[in-house]
Protein backbone atom coordinates (compact mmCIF):
# COMPACT_ATOMS: atom_id res chain seq x y z
CA MET A 1 55.27 -2.84 -45.58
CA PRO A 2 55.40 -6.25 -43.84
CA ALA A 3 56.76 -9.28 -45.73
CA LYS A 4 54.06 -11.54 -47.08
CA THR A 5 54.11 -15.14 -45.91
CA PRO A 6 54.16 -17.60 -48.79
CA LYS A 7 50.89 -19.28 -49.76
CA PRO A 8 50.57 -23.06 -49.41
CA PHE A 9 51.59 -24.89 -52.58
CA PRO A 10 49.79 -28.23 -53.05
CA ILE A 11 51.96 -31.18 -54.13
CA GLN A 12 50.77 -34.75 -54.66
CA MET A 13 53.05 -37.44 -53.25
CA GLU A 14 52.87 -41.16 -52.73
CA VAL A 15 52.09 -42.17 -49.16
CA GLU A 16 55.28 -44.25 -48.90
CA PHE A 17 57.42 -41.28 -49.94
CA LEU A 18 55.71 -38.98 -47.46
CA ASP A 19 56.33 -41.56 -44.71
CA ARG A 20 60.00 -41.56 -45.70
CA LEU A 21 60.09 -37.75 -45.45
CA SER A 22 58.50 -37.89 -41.99
CA GLU A 23 61.26 -40.07 -40.52
CA PRO A 24 63.89 -37.29 -40.22
CA VAL A 25 61.24 -35.07 -38.59
CA ARG A 26 60.43 -37.76 -36.01
CA ASP A 27 64.16 -38.31 -35.38
CA GLY A 28 64.68 -34.57 -34.80
CA LYS A 29 66.96 -34.19 -37.84
CA ALA A 30 64.57 -31.78 -39.57
CA LYS A 31 62.03 -29.25 -38.36
CA SER A 32 59.22 -30.31 -40.73
CA VAL A 33 58.45 -32.04 -44.02
CA SER A 34 58.05 -28.58 -45.57
CA ASP A 35 61.52 -27.66 -44.31
CA ILE A 36 63.00 -30.76 -45.99
CA ILE A 37 61.26 -29.94 -49.27
CA ARG A 38 62.37 -26.28 -49.19
CA ALA A 39 65.99 -27.28 -48.49
CA ALA A 40 65.98 -29.94 -51.23
CA LEU A 41 64.47 -27.56 -53.80
CA GLY A 42 66.92 -24.81 -52.86
CA ARG A 43 69.94 -26.94 -53.62
CA TYR A 44 68.69 -29.13 -56.51
CA ASP A 45 69.97 -28.46 -60.05
CA PHE A 46 67.04 -28.92 -62.45
CA THR A 47 69.09 -28.51 -65.64
CA ASP A 48 69.66 -32.25 -66.16
CA VAL A 49 66.54 -33.60 -64.49
CA LEU A 50 65.23 -36.82 -66.06
CA VAL A 51 61.50 -37.42 -65.63
CA MET A 52 60.23 -40.94 -66.21
CA HIS A 53 56.67 -41.36 -67.50
CA PRO A 54 55.20 -44.81 -67.90
CA ALA A 55 54.12 -45.55 -71.46
CA GLN A 56 50.42 -44.89 -71.92
CA LEU A 57 47.98 -45.17 -74.77
CA GLN A 58 44.64 -43.52 -75.24
CA ILE A 59 41.82 -45.87 -76.15
CA SER A 60 38.17 -45.31 -76.94
CA VAL A 61 35.45 -47.46 -75.41
CA ARG A 62 31.75 -47.28 -76.17
CA LEU A 63 30.01 -46.80 -72.84
CA PRO A 64 26.34 -46.31 -72.02
CA VAL A 65 25.44 -42.75 -71.08
CA GLU A 66 24.62 -43.70 -67.47
CA ILE A 67 28.03 -45.33 -66.92
CA ARG A 68 29.78 -42.27 -68.40
CA ARG A 69 27.78 -40.00 -66.12
CA GLN A 70 28.59 -42.14 -63.07
CA LEU A 71 32.30 -42.25 -63.93
CA LYS A 72 32.52 -38.46 -64.24
CA LYS A 73 30.52 -37.87 -61.05
CA THR A 74 32.61 -40.36 -59.06
CA ALA A 75 35.90 -38.96 -60.42
CA ARG A 76 34.89 -35.46 -59.28
CA SER A 77 33.78 -36.61 -55.84
CA LYS A 78 36.91 -38.78 -55.31
CA HIS A 79 39.26 -36.11 -56.74
CA THR A 80 40.75 -38.52 -59.24
CA SER A 81 40.67 -39.21 -62.96
CA VAL A 82 38.24 -41.35 -64.92
CA GLY A 83 41.26 -43.41 -66.01
CA HIS A 84 42.08 -44.28 -62.40
CA LEU A 85 38.51 -45.43 -61.80
CA VAL A 86 38.49 -47.54 -64.97
CA ARG A 87 41.83 -49.09 -64.01
CA ALA A 88 40.56 -49.93 -60.50
CA ALA A 89 37.41 -51.55 -61.89
CA VAL A 90 39.33 -53.58 -64.48
CA GLU A 91 41.97 -54.69 -61.96
CA ALA A 92 39.20 -55.91 -59.65
CA TYR A 93 37.52 -57.78 -62.53
CA LEU A 94 40.58 -59.41 -64.16
CA PRO A 95 41.16 -62.14 -61.51
CA GLU A 96 37.54 -63.26 -62.00
CA LEU A 97 37.98 -63.29 -65.78
CA GLU A 98 41.34 -65.09 -65.60
CA ALA A 99 39.82 -67.81 -63.39
CA LEU A 100 37.36 -68.80 -66.13
CA PRO A 101 38.32 -71.82 -68.26
CA ALA A 102 39.37 -71.01 -71.79
CA PRO A 103 36.84 -71.96 -74.49
CA ALA A 104 37.68 -75.33 -76.05
CA GLU A 105 37.97 -73.94 -79.58
CA ALA A 106 40.46 -71.29 -78.49
CA VAL A 107 42.70 -73.95 -76.95
CA ALA A 108 42.34 -76.45 -79.80
CA ARG A 109 43.25 -74.22 -82.74
CA PRO A 110 45.25 -71.03 -82.50
CA LYS A 111 44.51 -68.15 -84.85
CA PRO A 112 46.26 -68.44 -88.20
CA ARG A 113 49.12 -66.02 -88.73
CA LYS A 114 49.16 -63.67 -91.66
CA ARG A 115 52.02 -64.36 -94.04
CA ARG A 116 53.96 -61.70 -95.81
CA LYS A 117 54.40 -61.85 -99.53
CA LYS A 118 57.96 -62.43 -100.63
CA LYS A 119 59.61 -59.65 -102.59
CA ARG A 120 60.86 -60.61 -106.03
């Protein structure tokens, strides 16, 4: 019975990191990017691995049905998440919003702060 060749295993990586992995291949220090990854995984000790996740919160936003439908459709066609699309749209909009002058009443009087009752 012949040995089976391993199936491709998809991994998402940042473009900058992939460029960094390609340098040793171009310099002739490694056969391929896959070879670098296999060697690194073969010798890495995962027992004390520390994974950093940026803090995230889930929020709810009331959206019209058509915008929801468009977000889902676009996320599927672009192979990304709805959150990424929302973030891209908001990041494109924020400079425009930040360029607007602040309303006069918001500048003139700040919101009053709630005071805590003193314990007796």
